[in-house]
Amino acid sequence: MASVTFPTALGGDGKTYTDDAHPDTGLDGLGHVTRFVPCLKNVVAMAGYTAQYAAKIDAAATYADRAEDAKRYVEAVAEAYAVNLLDAYRDRITLGADFRAGRYTRDDGARLDTNDPSLIFSIVRSTPKFLEASNQYLREYAPDVVAREWNKGKPLGAVIEPTSQNLLVYSEDFSGSGWVIATSMGDIKDGLASWLNKPYMRYDNFTFSGSLSILQNITVSSGQAVTLSAYVSNETTPRYLAFNMGNDFRVVVDTENEVISSNPAGVSAALFVRKTLNGRRFCLTVTLPTTQNRFGVFFRKSNSVGYNDNWIPGDVIALTAMQLEIGDKATSYIPTLDSSVTRQSDQLFRISEGQFSRQQGTFYAQYLKPPGGFDYILGLGTANDEEINLGNSSARSTFINLRSGGEFSSINAASLQSQIGELEKALFTYVFNGTSYIFELFVNGGFAGTGELTRLPAGFENNIAIGRRRANFNDLHANTNIFGFFYIPLQLSRAEAQELTTL
């Protein structure tokens, strides 16, 4: 039996909760219905306690220690109770995948619980894939294998992406041919071991003032969305990282505050930052109004778009790798040598006979909010006009689309969604009321609304894609981390659905 107490010394009420069916403390059985909300109130109270003491960090080291203790405790408790709440439904799951834990479930009368997803799902990706592993270093996943990612010691589930190409050559060797680098930079030195698990480019002990630019001559046509990623080591001292998005457009990023600090007029730019071992990945997306032909980065001490700056001994510039892709978001790292490299898409799906009920059911998913538009977490059905999908719209609103027999209905959760890169929990239910199917969508503990179809889409019972629009449609992907999903052949109440999706 597992138990947890919310100490009054850290802002809790002193009560104890357990994962069994104890009449006073248990969350098992129906206990979660009456005790889960009090648990959440304790989490909120302790989070407030954390904020209270965090605000006093500068005043006293003791407060800082207590704040950190409370923060760790709150995070552990929240995670524990999310797991315990899901456990109450686990024996009802007839199809599910916990990508963080590497556990997969199918129940068609004979139950299969396995750590081998290929026993349940079709997995297709014809090329290798590279993601951060549990040791924080990059790991190569073989073709046709679910690629699970970690970040800073925490599992983040499966990364399911479309086909993408790194247009840059020698993506982690900046002394390689193809790079246009200022000759006055001086010697290249080895940096610390990075997430690539090998040394990388590091410039220091400067004896000159000039350009610190790392560029390649690549042509990208007008109207294209293009994303440039730079893995910058924490050893780097200049505050500003400038992105050369062609000769005409330079976008400056303030790395201290992780925001765009200078952007040319008429160019819409989006920034996404991801922490890696010993550094960060800065990903900048721009839609080019005219054809451009030189891409890369340069470093500045001031918020300026000029190449040159005044460098002195003690300044350090360190890069791990770079990637240039066509599209509105960065995908997982694609290493290159003397030519660009294409990584093929992930296809994870299941086609079977009658795996979903025609009367009622519930689909649940946890994932990180995608950074772009038209990203699909779950897809059902067989055609553009015969499908149900859960995803992310062009306006970055979480939604479900419902299409069958010429009917269309959509439920949007614009006010409930998470921030980009943060955990999101979504659930939708359906039930046949005798004349039509009623759908309800819940996101992050909130009820988003209802939709209706006269009939279910063709192929609904037999087809599901995870991280794609449909099992037979391969272009629109999740392009994010999917922690897990499950299906149970029951319609959950609104109270249950809101509890399951509460962050």
Protein backbone atom coordinates (compact mmCIF):
# COMPACT_ATOMS: atom_id res chain seq x y z
CA MET A 1 0.00 0.00 0.00
CA ALA A 2 1.24 3.48 -0.89
CA SER A 3 0.33 6.51 1.20
CA VAL A 4 1.13 10.19 1.36
CA THR A 5 0.65 12.87 4.00
CA PHE A 6 0.35 16.61 3.32
CA PRO A 7 2.48 18.13 6.12
CA THR A 8 1.23 21.31 7.74
CA ALA A 9 4.86 22.48 7.81
CA LEU A 10 4.75 22.69 3.99
CA GLY A 11 1.29 24.22 3.66
CA GLY A 12 -0.88 21.06 3.73
CA ASP A 13 -3.72 20.10 6.07
CA GLY A 14 -1.92 17.19 7.74
CA LYS A 15 -4.23 14.50 6.32
CA THR A 16 -3.07 11.17 4.90
CA TYR A 17 -4.35 9.52 1.72
CA THR A 18 -3.74 5.94 0.57
CA ASP A 19 -4.09 3.98 -2.69
CA ASP A 20 -6.27 1.26 -1.14
CA ALA A 21 -9.99 1.12 -0.26
CA HIS A 22 -9.62 2.31 3.33
CA PRO A 23 -12.93 3.95 4.37
CA ASP A 24 -11.24 7.11 5.67
CA THR A 25 -8.13 7.58 3.53
CA GLY A 26 -8.46 5.36 0.44
CA LEU A 27 -8.57 6.53 -3.18
CA ASP A 28 -9.37 3.07 -4.58
CA GLY A 29 -12.86 2.01 -5.52
CA LEU A 30 -15.10 5.07 -5.22
CA GLY A 31 -12.76 6.75 -2.77
CA HIS A 32 -11.26 8.95 -5.48
CA VAL A 33 -14.67 10.54 -6.08
CA THR A 34 -14.82 12.04 -2.56
CA ARG A 35 -11.12 12.45 -1.80
CA PHE A 36 -9.39 13.40 -5.03
CA VAL A 37 -10.55 17.04 -4.94
CA PRO A 38 -9.30 17.49 -1.33
CA CYS A 39 -5.98 16.06 -2.53
CA LEU A 40 -5.86 18.66 -5.30
CA LYS A 41 -6.67 21.40 -2.79
CA ASN A 42 -3.67 20.29 -0.75
CA VAL A 43 -1.50 20.39 -3.89
CA VAL A 44 -2.73 23.91 -4.63
CA ALA A 45 -2.19 25.00 -1.02
CA MET A 46 1.35 23.64 -1.04
CA ALA A 47 2.02 25.26 -4.38
CA GLY A 48 0.97 28.57 -2.83
CA TYR A 49 3.29 27.87 0.07
CA THR A 50 6.07 27.28 -2.46
CA ALA A 51 5.41 30.62 -4.12
CA GLN A 52 5.28 32.37 -0.73
CA TYR A 53 8.73 31.16 0.23
CA ALA A 54 10.18 31.38 -3.27
CA ALA A 55 9.46 35.11 -3.18
CA LYS A 56 11.72 35.36 -0.14
CA ILE A 57 14.67 33.49 -1.64
CA ASP A 58 16.77 36.64 -1.89
CA ALA A 59 16.07 37.46 1.75
CA ALA A 60 17.15 34.21 3.41
CA ALA A 61 18.74 30.94 2.36
CA THR A 62 16.48 29.09 4.80
CA TYR A 63 13.40 30.19 2.89
CA ALA A 64 15.01 29.06 -0.35
CA ASP A 65 15.63 25.60 1.07
CA ARG A 66 12.06 25.31 2.34
CA ALA A 67 10.68 26.50 -0.99
CA GLU A 68 12.69 23.91 -2.88
CA ASP A 69 11.56 21.17 -0.48
CA ALA A 70 7.94 22.17 -0.98
CA LYS A 71 8.34 22.36 -4.76
CA ARG A 72 9.74 18.83 -4.98
CA TYR A 73 7.05 17.52 -2.65
CA VAL A 74 4.22 19.15 -4.62
CA GLU A 75 5.52 17.75 -7.91
CA ALA A 76 5.88 14.25 -6.45
CA VAL A 77 2.42 14.30 -4.89
CA ALA A 78 0.75 15.60 -8.04
CA GLU A 79 2.39 12.87 -10.10
CA ALA A 80 1.51 10.16 -7.59
CA TYR A 81 -2.14 11.09 -7.48
CA ALA A 82 -2.40 11.36 -11.26
CA VAL A 83 -1.12 7.78 -11.43
CA ASN A 84 -3.44 6.59 -8.66
CA LEU A 85 -6.46 8.17 -10.32
CA LEU A 86 -5.67 6.44 -13.62
CA ASP A 87 -5.26 3.15 -11.77
CA ALA A 88 -8.96 3.28 -10.89
CA TYR A 89 -9.75 2.91 -14.60
CA ARG A 90 -6.86 0.68 -15.67
CA ASP A 91 -8.72 -2.63 -15.62
CA ARG A 92 -11.35 -1.19 -17.99
CA ILE A 93 -8.86 -0.20 -20.70
CA THR A 94 -9.29 -2.29 -23.86
CA LEU A 95 -6.61 -0.47 -25.86
CA GLY A 96 -3.87 1.70 -24.43
CA ALA A 97 -0.25 2.79 -24.51
CA ASP A 98 1.79 4.28 -21.68
CA PHE A 99 4.76 5.52 -23.68
CA ARG A 100 6.50 6.99 -20.65
CA ALA A 101 6.57 3.69 -18.79
CA GLY A 102 6.85 1.54 -21.95
CA ARG A 103 3.67 -0.49 -21.19
CA TYR A 104 1.01 -1.39 -23.75
CA THR A 105 -2.43 -2.99 -23.33
CA ARG A 106 -4.97 -4.79 -25.47
CA ASP A 107 -8.09 -6.55 -24.19
CA ASP A 108 -10.36 -8.29 -26.70
CA GLY A 109 -11.54 -10.88 -24.19
CA ALA A 110 -7.99 -12.15 -23.72
CA ARG A 111 -5.86 -9.45 -22.08
CA LEU A 112 -2.33 -8.64 -23.20
CA ASP A 113 -0.10 -6.37 -21.13
CA THR A 114 3.32 -6.05 -22.73
CA ASN A 115 6.38 -3.82 -23.03
CA ASP A 116 6.64 -4.67 -26.75
CA PRO A 117 4.33 -2.29 -28.68
CA SER A 118 4.81 -4.24 -31.92
CA LEU A 119 2.63 -7.03 -30.44
CA ILE A 120 -0.33 -4.63 -30.51
CA PHE A 121 0.43 -1.82 -32.98
CA SER A 122 1.85 -1.49 -36.48
CA ILE A 123 5.02 0.61 -36.30
CA VAL A 124 6.58 1.98 -39.49
CA ARG A 125 9.53 4.35 -39.95
CA SER A 126 12.00 3.36 -42.64
CA THR A 127 14.96 5.38 -41.29
CA PRO A 128 16.73 5.72 -37.92
CA LYS A 129 15.75 8.40 -35.44
CA PHE A 130 17.74 10.24 -32.76
CA LEU A 131 16.34 11.32 -29.38
CA GLU A 132 17.60 12.10 -25.90
CA ALA A 133 17.81 8.96 -23.76
CA SER A 134 17.60 8.46 -19.99
CA ASN A 135 21.31 9.26 -19.58
CA GLN A 136 20.69 12.66 -21.30
CA TYR A 137 22.79 11.69 -24.31
CA LEU A 138 21.50 11.23 -27.84
CA ARG A 139 20.33 7.71 -28.69
CA GLU A 140 19.76 6.19 -32.13
CA TYR A 141 16.48 4.30 -32.57
CA ALA A 142 16.41 1.70 -35.34
CA PRO A 143 13.81 1.85 -38.14
CA ASP A 144 10.30 0.59 -37.32
CA VAL A 145 10.76 1.09 -33.56
CA VAL A 146 8.80 3.39 -31.26
CA ALA A 147 11.19 6.20 -30.34
CA ARG A 148 10.79 7.15 -26.67
CA GLU A 149 12.35 10.38 -25.45
CA TRP A 150 13.65 11.60 -22.09
CA ASN A 151 14.59 15.09 -21.01
CA LYS A 152 16.78 15.85 -18.01
CA GLY A 153 16.02 12.54 -16.32
CA LYS A 154 12.25 12.48 -17.00
CA PRO A 155 10.50 10.26 -19.58
CA LEU A 156 8.43 12.23 -22.09
CA GLY A 157 6.85 9.39 -24.04
CA ALA A 158 6.95 8.75 -27.77
CA VAL A 159 7.87 11.37 -30.39
CA ILE A 160 5.74 10.94 -33.52
CA GLU A 161 6.69 13.19 -36.42
CA PRO A 162 6.33 13.70 -40.18
CA THR A 163 9.08 13.27 -42.75
CA SER A 164 11.70 16.01 -42.41
CA GLN A 165 15.06 16.93 -43.89
CA ASN A 166 18.06 18.68 -42.37
CA LEU A 167 19.21 20.89 -45.23
CA LEU A 168 22.52 21.71 -43.54
CA VAL A 169 25.62 19.60 -44.11
CA TYR A 170 28.15 18.74 -41.38
CA SER A 171 25.48 19.62 -38.82
CA GLU A 172 27.80 19.10 -35.85
CA ASP A 173 31.19 19.71 -37.46
CA PHE A 174 31.59 23.43 -38.04
CA SER A 175 35.06 22.95 -39.51
CA GLY A 176 33.52 20.90 -42.32
CA SER A 177 33.11 22.07 -45.90
CA GLY A 178 29.90 23.88 -46.69
CA TRP A 179 30.12 26.26 -43.74
CA VAL A 180 30.91 29.93 -44.30
CA ILE A 181 32.72 30.98 -41.12
CA ALA A 182 34.68 34.15 -40.38
CA THR A 183 38.39 33.39 -40.83
CA SER A 184 39.29 35.75 -37.97
CA MET A 185 37.66 33.52 -35.37
CA GLY A 186 40.93 31.89 -34.40
CA ASP A 187 41.36 28.35 -33.13
CA ILE A 188 38.47 25.94 -32.59
CA LYS A 189 38.69 24.20 -29.21
CA ASP A 190 36.83 21.22 -27.82
CA GLY A 191 33.96 21.97 -25.47
CA LEU A 192 32.50 19.79 -22.74
CA ALA A 193 30.71 16.57 -23.66
CA SER A 194 27.29 17.54 -25.00
CA TRP A 195 24.08 15.59 -25.49
CA LEU A 196 25.80 14.19 -28.62
CA ASN A 197 28.25 12.55 -26.15
CA LYS A 198 31.27 14.02 -27.88
CA PRO A 199 33.20 17.30 -27.93
CA TYR A 200 31.89 20.24 -29.94
CA MET A 201 32.95 23.62 -31.33
CA ARG A 202 34.13 26.16 -28.77
CA TYR A 203 35.82 29.52 -29.48
CA ASP A 204 37.56 31.48 -26.75
CA ASN A 205 40.66 33.58 -25.90
CA PHE A 206 39.76 36.12 -28.56
CA THR A 207 42.42 38.53 -29.71
CA PHE A 208 40.31 40.34 -32.34
CA SER A 209 37.05 42.14 -32.94
CA GLY A 210 34.90 40.94 -35.81
CA SER A 211 32.27 38.49 -36.94
CA LEU A 212 31.24 35.33 -35.10
CA SER A 213 28.97 33.99 -37.85
CA ILE A 214 28.36 30.35 -38.81
CA LEU A 215 26.46 30.21 -42.12
CA GLN A 216 25.66 28.01 -45.13
CA ASN A 217 24.57 29.01 -48.63
CA ILE A 218 21.19 27.29 -49.07
CA THR A 219 18.30 28.57 -51.18
CA VAL A 220 14.75 28.56 -49.79
CA SER A 221 11.91 29.85 -51.98
CA SER A 222 9.55 32.68 -51.05
CA GLY A 223 6.39 31.77 -49.18
CA GLN A 224 8.03 28.85 -47.38
CA ALA A 225 7.96 28.43 -43.64
CA VAL A 226 11.46 27.50 -42.50
CA THR A 227 12.76 26.53 -39.06
CA LEU A 228 16.37 26.91 -37.99
CA SER A 229 17.58 25.23 -34.78
CA ALA A 230 20.81 25.97 -32.97
CA TYR A 231 22.04 23.90 -30.02
CA VAL A 232 23.93 26.40 -27.87
CA SER A 233 26.10 25.27 -24.96
CA ASN A 234 25.76 26.91 -21.55
CA GLU A 235 29.44 27.82 -21.86
CA THR A 236 28.46 30.57 -24.33
CA THR A 237 28.79 34.05 -22.79
CA PRO A 238 27.25 36.56 -25.31
CA ARG A 239 23.63 37.28 -24.47
CA TYR A 240 22.24 37.56 -27.99
CA LEU A 241 21.89 34.88 -30.67
CA ALA A 242 21.04 36.23 -34.12
CA PHE A 243 19.41 34.01 -36.74
CA ASN A 244 20.41 34.69 -40.34
CA MET A 245 17.20 33.68 -42.16
CA GLY A 246 18.60 34.56 -45.58
CA ASN A 247 20.61 37.62 -46.47
CA ASP A 248 17.64 39.96 -45.98
CA PHE A 249 16.20 38.82 -42.65
CA ARG A 250 17.97 38.68 -39.30
CA VAL A 251 16.09 37.88 -36.10
CA VAL A 252 17.78 38.45 -32.73
CA VAL A 253 17.01 36.28 -29.69
CA ASP A 254 17.69 37.38 -26.13
CA THR A 255 18.98 34.11 -24.65
CA GLU A 256 18.75 35.40 -21.08
CA ASN A 257 14.99 35.95 -21.26
CA GLU A 258 14.43 33.44 -24.10
CA VAL A 259 12.45 35.90 -26.24
CA ILE A 260 12.76 37.48 -29.68
CA SER A 261 14.22 40.91 -29.04
CA SER A 262 14.59 42.22 -32.59
CA ASN A 263 12.63 41.24 -35.68
CA PRO A 264 12.62 42.80 -39.19
CA ALA A 265 9.43 44.57 -40.23
CA GLY A 266 6.98 42.41 -42.13
CA VAL A 267 8.42 39.10 -40.92
CA SER A 268 6.49 36.97 -38.44
CA ALA A 269 8.82 34.87 -36.31
CA ALA A 270 8.12 32.24 -33.62
CA LEU A 271 10.62 30.97 -31.04
CA PHE A 272 10.64 27.68 -29.14
CA VAL A 273 13.34 26.78 -26.58
CA ARG A 274 14.18 23.32 -25.29
CA LYS A 275 16.78 22.53 -22.62
CA THR A 276 19.32 19.77 -23.33
CA LEU A 277 22.41 18.49 -21.55
CA ASN A 278 24.78 21.43 -20.97
CA GLY A 279 22.72 23.72 -23.16
CA ARG A 280 19.56 24.74 -24.96
CA ARG A 281 18.03 24.25 -28.40
CA PHE A 282 16.77 27.55 -29.84
CA CYS A 283 14.27 26.94 -32.65
CA LEU A 284 13.18 29.88 -34.80
CA THR A 285 10.43 29.69 -37.45
CA VAL A 286 9.95 32.34 -40.15
CA THR A 287 7.77 32.43 -43.28
CA LEU A 288 9.98 33.98 -45.96
CA PRO A 289 8.36 36.78 -48.01
CA THR A 290 11.09 36.49 -50.66
CA THR A 291 13.57 33.82 -51.77
CA GLN A 292 16.64 33.68 -49.50
CA ASN A 293 19.95 31.86 -49.78
CA ARG A 294 22.09 32.10 -46.64
CA PHE A 295 21.12 30.59 -43.28
CA GLY A 296 22.87 30.23 -39.95
CA VAL A 297 23.56 32.09 -36.71
CA PHE A 298 25.90 34.70 -35.31
CA PHE A 299 26.54 35.97 -31.80
CA ARG A 300 26.27 39.45 -30.32
CA LYS A 301 26.82 41.13 -26.95
CA SER A 302 24.24 43.76 -27.86
CA ASN A 303 20.80 43.63 -29.48
CA SER A 304 22.01 44.36 -33.00
CA VAL A 305 21.78 42.68 -36.40
CA GLY A 306 25.34 43.56 -37.39
CA TYR A 307 27.77 40.68 -37.83
CA ASN A 308 30.71 42.35 -36.09
CA ASP A 309 31.22 42.89 -32.36
CA ASN A 310 34.09 43.60 -29.99
CA TRP A 311 35.46 40.34 -28.59
CA ILE A 312 37.88 40.02 -25.70
CA PRO A 313 39.63 37.16 -23.84
CA GLY A 314 37.05 35.52 -21.63
CA ASP A 315 34.28 35.54 -24.23
CA VAL A 316 33.16 32.03 -25.17
CA ILE A 317 31.12 30.81 -28.14
CA ALA A 318 30.06 27.13 -28.10
CA LEU A 319 27.74 25.25 -30.46
CA THR A 320 26.72 21.59 -30.44
CA ALA A 321 24.73 21.22 -33.66
CA MET A 322 22.43 23.01 -36.11
CA GLN A 323 19.42 22.01 -38.20
CA LEU A 324 17.49 23.75 -41.00
CA GLU A 325 14.06 22.36 -41.98
CA ILE A 326 11.19 23.35 -44.22
CA GLY A 327 8.09 23.68 -42.03
CA ASP A 328 6.59 25.61 -39.13
CA LYS A 329 8.28 23.68 -36.32
CA ALA A 330 11.51 21.91 -35.43
CA THR A 331 11.57 18.12 -35.39
CA SER A 332 13.97 15.77 -33.64
CA TYR A 333 17.65 16.10 -34.49
CA ILE A 334 18.83 14.81 -37.88
CA PRO A 335 22.65 14.48 -38.04
CA THR A 336 24.36 15.06 -41.39
CA LEU A 337 27.82 14.71 -42.92
CA ASP A 338 28.65 15.77 -46.49
CA SER A 339 25.02 15.85 -47.66
CA SER A 340 21.58 16.70 -46.30
CA VAL A 341 19.63 13.85 -44.67
CA THR A 342 15.92 12.98 -44.68
CA ARG A 343 14.28 11.21 -41.75
CA GLN A 344 11.07 9.42 -42.72
CA SER A 345 7.78 9.81 -40.85
CA ASP A 346 6.57 7.77 -37.88
CA GLN A 347 3.46 5.68 -38.45
CA LEU A 348 1.91 4.12 -35.36
CA PHE A 349 -1.54 2.59 -35.82
CA ARG A 350 -3.80 -0.40 -35.28
CA ILE A 351 -6.30 -1.97 -37.65
CA SER A 352 -8.45 -4.78 -36.28
CA GLU A 353 -12.01 -6.07 -36.09
CA GLY A 354 -14.43 -4.16 -33.91
CA GLN A 355 -12.02 -2.86 -31.26
CA PHE A 356 -14.25 0.12 -30.39
CA SER A 357 -17.88 0.00 -29.22
CA ARG A 358 -20.62 1.42 -31.42
CA GLN A 359 -22.70 2.33 -28.33
CA GLN A 360 -20.41 4.37 -26.07
CA GLY A 361 -16.79 4.94 -25.17
CA THR A 362 -14.04 7.27 -24.00
CA PHE A 363 -10.67 8.23 -25.54
CA TYR A 364 -8.03 9.83 -23.28
CA ALA A 365 -4.61 11.27 -24.17
CA GLN A 366 -1.68 13.01 -22.43
CA TYR A 367 0.90 14.91 -24.49
CA LEU A 368 2.97 18.07 -24.64
CA LYS A 369 1.17 20.94 -26.35
CA PRO A 370 2.56 21.09 -29.93
CA PRO A 371 4.27 24.28 -31.11
CA GLY A 372 2.65 24.50 -34.56
CA GLY A 373 -0.67 24.08 -36.30
CA PHE A 374 -2.62 21.04 -37.51
CA ASP A 375 -0.93 18.55 -35.21
CA TYR A 376 -2.91 15.35 -34.61
CA ILE A 377 -2.81 13.30 -31.42
CA LEU A 378 -5.41 10.61 -32.24
CA GLY A 379 -7.11 9.75 -35.53
CA LEU A 380 -10.06 7.44 -36.28
CA GLY A 381 -11.89 6.55 -39.49
CA THR A 382 -10.81 6.06 -43.09
CA ALA A 383 -11.33 9.22 -45.21
CA ASN A 384 -11.44 13.02 -45.18
CA ASP A 385 -15.23 12.95 -44.77
CA GLU A 386 -15.28 9.85 -42.55
CA GLU A 387 -13.14 10.55 -39.51
CA ILE A 388 -12.80 11.69 -35.92
CA ASN A 389 -9.58 13.26 -34.77
CA LEU A 390 -8.16 14.96 -31.69
CA GLY A 391 -5.57 17.59 -32.40
CA ASN A 392 -4.20 21.09 -32.53
CA SER A 393 -5.71 23.62 -34.98
CA SER A 394 -3.93 26.27 -37.04
CA ALA A 395 -4.89 28.72 -34.26
CA ARG A 396 -3.25 26.32 -31.76
CA SER A 397 -6.60 25.51 -30.17
CA THR A 398 -7.21 21.96 -28.97
CA PHE A 399 -10.16 20.40 -30.82
CA ILE A 400 -11.95 17.31 -32.02
CA ASN A 401 -13.32 17.16 -35.58
CA LEU A 402 -16.29 14.89 -36.31
CA ARG A 403 -17.13 13.92 -39.91
CA SER A 404 -19.46 11.28 -41.34
CA GLY A 405 -21.92 11.02 -44.24
CA GLY A 406 -21.58 14.70 -45.18
CA GLU A 407 -22.08 15.90 -41.59
CA PHE A 408 -19.43 17.96 -39.83
CA SER A 409 -19.12 19.04 -36.22
CA SER A 410 -16.19 20.44 -34.27
CA ILE A 411 -15.55 21.16 -30.59
CA ASN A 412 -12.82 23.65 -29.72
CA ALA A 413 -11.18 24.23 -26.34
CA ALA A 414 -9.42 27.53 -27.01
CA SER A 415 -9.66 28.76 -23.42
CA LEU A 416 -8.57 25.47 -21.83
CA GLN A 417 -5.39 24.57 -23.68
CA SER A 418 -1.88 24.46 -22.24
CA GLN A 419 1.06 26.65 -23.14
CA ILE A 420 3.29 25.35 -25.94
CA GLY A 421 5.55 22.58 -24.68
CA GLU A 422 3.55 22.06 -21.47
CA LEU A 423 1.55 18.99 -20.42
CA GLU A 424 -1.97 18.78 -21.82
CA LYS A 425 -4.65 16.22 -20.94
CA ALA A 426 -7.59 15.73 -23.27
CA LEU A 427 -10.54 13.32 -23.23
CA PHE A 428 -13.60 12.88 -25.38
CA THR A 429 -16.60 10.64 -24.83
CA TYR A 430 -19.39 9.47 -27.13
CA VAL A 431 -22.74 7.78 -26.58
CA PHE A 432 -25.62 6.73 -28.87
CA ASN A 433 -28.90 8.20 -27.56
CA GLY A 434 -31.17 6.19 -29.88
CA THR A 435 -31.13 8.66 -32.78
CA SER A 436 -27.61 10.15 -32.90
CA TYR A 437 -24.17 10.13 -31.31
CA ILE A 438 -23.34 12.80 -28.73
CA PHE A 439 -19.69 13.72 -28.18
CA GLU A 440 -18.18 15.70 -25.30
CA LEU A 441 -14.66 17.15 -25.09
CA PHE A 442 -12.71 17.84 -21.89
CA VAL A 443 -9.28 19.52 -21.74
CA ASN A 444 -7.18 20.21 -18.63
CA GLY A 445 -10.09 19.70 -16.25
CA GLY A 446 -12.55 21.84 -18.20
CA PHE A 447 -15.62 20.92 -20.23
CA ALA A 448 -15.20 22.30 -23.78
CA GLY A 449 -18.61 21.47 -25.27
CA THR A 450 -20.62 18.94 -27.25
CA GLY A 451 -20.93 17.78 -30.87
CA GLU A 452 -23.31 15.46 -32.68
CA LEU A 453 -23.30 13.00 -35.60
CA THR A 454 -26.15 10.91 -36.98
CA ARG A 455 -23.79 7.97 -37.40
CA LEU A 456 -20.18 7.07 -36.64
CA PRO A 457 -17.59 7.46 -39.42
CA ALA A 458 -16.93 4.48 -41.68
CA GLY A 459 -14.16 2.33 -40.24
CA PHE A 460 -14.45 3.90 -36.79
CA GLU A 461 -14.58 0.55 -34.98
CA ASN A 462 -11.46 -0.84 -36.63
CA ASN A 463 -8.95 1.97 -37.20
CA ILE A 464 -6.88 4.18 -34.92
CA ALA A 465 -3.70 6.16 -35.51
CA ILE A 466 -1.64 7.50 -32.61
CA GLY A 467 0.07 10.77 -33.42
CA ARG A 468 -1.48 11.01 -36.88
CA ARG A 469 -4.70 12.15 -38.50
CA ARG A 470 -5.75 8.64 -39.55
CA ALA A 471 -4.31 5.15 -39.85
CA ASN A 472 -4.38 5.47 -43.66
CA PHE A 473 -3.27 9.12 -43.86
CA ASN A 474 0.39 9.80 -43.17
CA ASP A 475 1.03 13.54 -43.68
CA LEU A 476 -0.37 15.26 -40.59
CA HIS A 477 1.36 14.14 -37.39
CA ALA A 478 1.46 15.05 -33.69
CA ASN A 479 4.97 16.48 -33.94
CA THR A 480 5.27 16.34 -30.17
CA ASN A 481 5.72 13.98 -27.23
CA ILE A 482 2.75 11.72 -26.53
CA PHE A 483 2.86 10.46 -22.94
CA GLY A 484 0.08 7.94 -23.49
CA PHE A 485 -3.51 7.27 -24.45
CA PHE A 486 -6.24 4.78 -23.68
CA TYR A 487 -9.74 3.74 -24.71
CA ILE A 488 -12.46 2.28 -22.49
CA PRO A 489 -15.84 1.11 -23.87
CA LEU A 490 -17.83 3.27 -21.45
CA GLN A 491 -19.01 6.86 -21.43
CA LEU A 492 -17.55 8.58 -18.37
CA SER A 493 -19.56 11.13 -16.42
CA ARG A 494 -18.58 14.78 -16.67
CA ALA A 495 -17.23 14.67 -13.12
CA GLU A 496 -15.02 11.67 -13.94
CA ALA A 497 -13.84 13.23 -17.22
CA GLN A 498 -12.93 16.48 -15.49
CA GLU A 499 -11.05 14.64 -12.75
CA LEU A 500 -9.07 12.56 -15.25
CA THR A 501 -7.99 15.64 -17.21
CA THR A 502 -7.18 17.88 -14.24
CA LEU A 503 -3.55 18.98 -14.38
